[in-house]
Amino acid sequence: MSTHKPPRAYLTNVFQCRCPRCREGKLFKNGVSANISKNNEMNELCPVCGQPTEIEVGFYYGTGYVSYMLAVMVSGATFVAWWLFIGFSFTDNRFAWWIGINAVILILLQPWLMRLSRSLWMSWFVRYDPTWRDNMPRDYERIVPGQMNNW
């Protein structure tokens, strides 16, 4: 009988911010925090399989678009929920209340959305490797240590 456990599903892996290559190692050093510098502090390499988390200089610039997409999705969900349960009217302030509450929700979710967007972004560029134990991670030629975190 094998003690090998099946890999996490793709979405489970992304929401738990795990390495997309082995689906076991954690991408971030710390838990979700309101302190943005601690919140986005990532392991340089996956602690399990050794996959580099920064594939090239400026790799995570694209996460701004992903974070924006997630914020639009959250806003759309709160809009639909507000519309179904409370409704909208131009004769009172219900729309203004939705805007305010939606803004507070987005501010509170921002640390988690930032991490989720990084996890999603990395999962689009690094594929799951079922034989990761036998293979070393790919050597990324565009990593320039002197230029990392140079913004």
Protein backbone atom coordinates (compact mmCIF):
# COMPACT_ATOMS: atom_id res chain seq x y z
CA MET A 1 0.00 0.00 0.00
CA SER A 2 1.38 3.38 -1.01
CA THR A 3 1.55 6.29 1.42
CA HIS A 4 1.61 8.75 -1.48
CA LYS A 5 -1.19 11.28 -1.09
CA PRO A 6 -2.86 12.74 -4.18
CA PRO A 7 -1.94 16.34 -5.08
CA ARG A 8 -4.17 19.22 -4.13
CA ALA A 9 -6.66 20.38 -6.73
CA TYR A 10 -5.67 23.47 -8.72
CA LEU A 11 -8.06 25.92 -7.03
CA THR A 12 -7.32 24.54 -3.56
CA ASN A 13 -3.64 25.00 -4.28
CA VAL A 14 -4.14 28.59 -5.48
CA PHE A 15 -6.37 29.62 -2.55
CA GLN A 16 -3.94 28.10 -0.04
CA CYS A 17 -1.02 29.93 -1.77
CA ARG A 18 1.01 26.78 -2.34
CA CYS A 19 3.81 26.20 -4.83
CA PRO A 20 2.28 25.37 -8.23
CA ARG A 21 5.08 22.91 -9.10
CA CYS A 22 4.82 20.53 -6.13
CA ARG A 23 1.56 21.82 -4.58
CA GLU A 24 3.01 21.31 -1.12
CA GLY A 25 5.35 24.17 -0.20
CA LYS A 26 4.05 27.51 1.00
CA LEU A 27 4.76 30.51 -1.22
CA PHE A 28 4.70 33.09 1.60
CA LYS A 29 6.83 33.26 4.74
CA ASN A 30 4.10 34.73 6.97
CA GLY A 31 0.34 34.42 7.34
CA VAL A 32 -2.07 37.04 6.00
CA SER A 33 -1.32 40.34 7.70
CA ALA A 34 -2.35 43.98 7.42
CA ASN A 35 1.37 44.83 7.32
CA ILE A 36 1.91 44.85 3.54
CA SER A 37 5.66 44.30 3.68
CA LYS A 38 5.18 41.17 5.81
CA ASN A 39 2.11 40.11 3.85
CA ASN A 40 3.94 39.96 0.50
CA GLU A 41 7.19 38.49 1.85
CA MET A 42 7.69 35.34 -0.21
CA ASN A 43 10.10 32.45 0.15
CA GLU A 44 12.90 32.82 -2.41
CA LEU A 45 12.59 29.11 -3.19
CA CYS A 46 9.80 26.67 -2.44
CA PRO A 47 10.79 25.02 0.86
CA VAL A 48 9.71 21.61 -0.50
CA CYS A 49 10.79 21.37 -4.15
CA GLY A 50 13.19 24.31 -4.60
CA GLN A 51 11.12 26.11 -7.27
CA PRO A 52 12.18 29.79 -7.49
CA THR A 53 9.25 32.06 -6.67
CA GLU A 54 10.62 35.05 -8.61
CA ILE A 55 11.08 33.71 -12.11
CA GLU A 56 12.47 36.96 -13.54
CA VAL A 57 12.99 40.54 -12.48
CA GLY A 58 9.63 42.29 -12.24
CA PHE A 59 7.75 39.00 -12.58
CA TYR A 60 4.89 40.10 -10.31
CA TYR A 61 4.07 43.38 -12.09
CA GLY A 62 1.21 41.59 -13.86
CA THR A 63 -0.46 40.78 -10.57
CA GLY A 64 -1.90 44.30 -10.53
CA TYR A 65 -4.21 43.26 -13.36
CA VAL A 66 -5.14 40.04 -11.56
CA SER A 67 -5.82 41.92 -8.32
CA TYR A 68 -8.00 44.38 -10.25
CA MET A 69 -9.94 41.47 -11.79
CA LEU A 70 -10.49 39.94 -8.36
CA ALA A 71 -11.64 43.29 -6.93
CA VAL A 72 -14.13 43.69 -9.80
CA MET A 73 -15.42 40.17 -9.14
CA VAL A 74 -15.87 40.93 -5.41
CA SER A 75 -17.62 44.20 -6.26
CA GLY A 76 -19.89 42.39 -8.72
CA ALA A 77 -20.76 39.78 -6.11
CA THR A 78 -21.56 42.42 -3.47
CA PHE A 79 -23.60 44.35 -6.05
CA VAL A 80 -25.72 41.29 -6.89
CA ALA A 81 -26.13 40.35 -3.21
CA TRP A 82 -27.14 43.92 -2.30
CA TRP A 83 -29.56 44.06 -5.22
CA LEU A 84 -31.20 40.74 -4.28
CA PHE A 85 -31.44 41.30 -0.52
CA ILE A 86 -31.81 45.08 -0.16
CA GLY A 87 -32.43 46.53 -3.60
CA PHE A 88 -31.39 49.78 -5.22
CA SER A 89 -33.31 53.01 -5.41
CA PHE A 90 -32.57 56.54 -6.53
CA THR A 91 -35.01 57.97 -3.97
CA ASP A 92 -32.83 57.09 -0.97
CA ASN A 93 -29.19 56.41 -0.12
CA ARG A 94 -29.09 52.65 -0.70
CA PHE A 95 -26.66 52.96 -3.61
CA ALA A 96 -24.32 55.19 -1.58
CA TRP A 97 -24.46 52.68 1.29
CA TRP A 98 -23.52 49.87 -1.10
CA ILE A 99 -20.57 51.91 -2.45
CA GLY A 100 -19.34 52.58 1.10
CA ILE A 101 -19.75 49.02 2.33
CA ASN A 102 -18.17 47.65 -0.84
CA ALA A 103 -15.17 49.96 -0.35
CA VAL A 104 -14.73 48.74 3.24
CA ILE A 105 -14.97 45.11 2.12
CA LEU A 106 -12.34 45.68 -0.58
CA ILE A 107 -9.99 47.41 1.87
CA LEU A 108 -10.35 44.55 4.37
CA LEU A 109 -9.83 41.91 1.68
CA GLN A 110 -6.88 43.68 0.03
CA PRO A 111 -4.08 41.80 1.85
CA TRP A 112 -5.66 38.48 0.92
CA LEU A 113 -6.40 39.60 -2.65
CA MET A 114 -2.77 40.64 -3.13
CA ARG A 115 -1.55 37.18 -2.04
CA LEU A 116 -4.18 35.41 -4.10
CA SER A 117 -3.24 37.39 -7.20
CA ARG A 118 0.43 36.41 -6.77
CA SER A 119 -0.51 32.77 -6.30
CA LEU A 120 -2.75 32.84 -9.38
CA TRP A 121 -0.12 34.64 -11.48
CA MET A 122 2.59 32.13 -10.58
CA SER A 123 0.29 29.19 -11.25
CA TRP A 124 -0.22 30.43 -14.83
CA PHE A 125 3.52 30.30 -15.53
CA VAL A 126 4.68 27.28 -13.49
CA ARG A 127 2.98 23.97 -14.19
CA TYR A 128 2.37 21.16 -11.75
CA ASP A 129 5.03 18.46 -12.09
CA PRO A 130 3.89 15.07 -10.77
CA THR A 131 7.53 13.89 -10.89
CA TRP A 132 8.93 16.88 -9.02
CA ARG A 133 10.76 14.62 -6.55
CA ASP A 134 12.86 13.20 -9.39
CA ASN A 135 13.42 16.42 -11.37
CA MET A 136 15.10 19.65 -10.40
CA PRO A 137 13.18 22.88 -11.07
CA ARG A 138 13.82 24.58 -14.37
CA ASP A 139 16.75 26.97 -14.38
CA TYR A 140 15.43 30.44 -15.16
CA GLU A 141 18.06 32.40 -17.06
CA ARG A 142 16.43 35.79 -16.50
CA ILE A 143 17.06 35.95 -12.76
CA VAL A 144 19.53 38.74 -12.02
CA PRO A 145 20.08 38.81 -8.25
CA GLY A 146 21.51 42.34 -8.35
CA GLN A 147 18.30 43.66 -9.94
CA MET A 148 15.79 41.87 -7.72
CA ASN A 149 13.68 44.17 -5.50
CA ASN A 150 15.21 47.14 -7.29
CA TRP A 151 12.09 49.28 -7.52
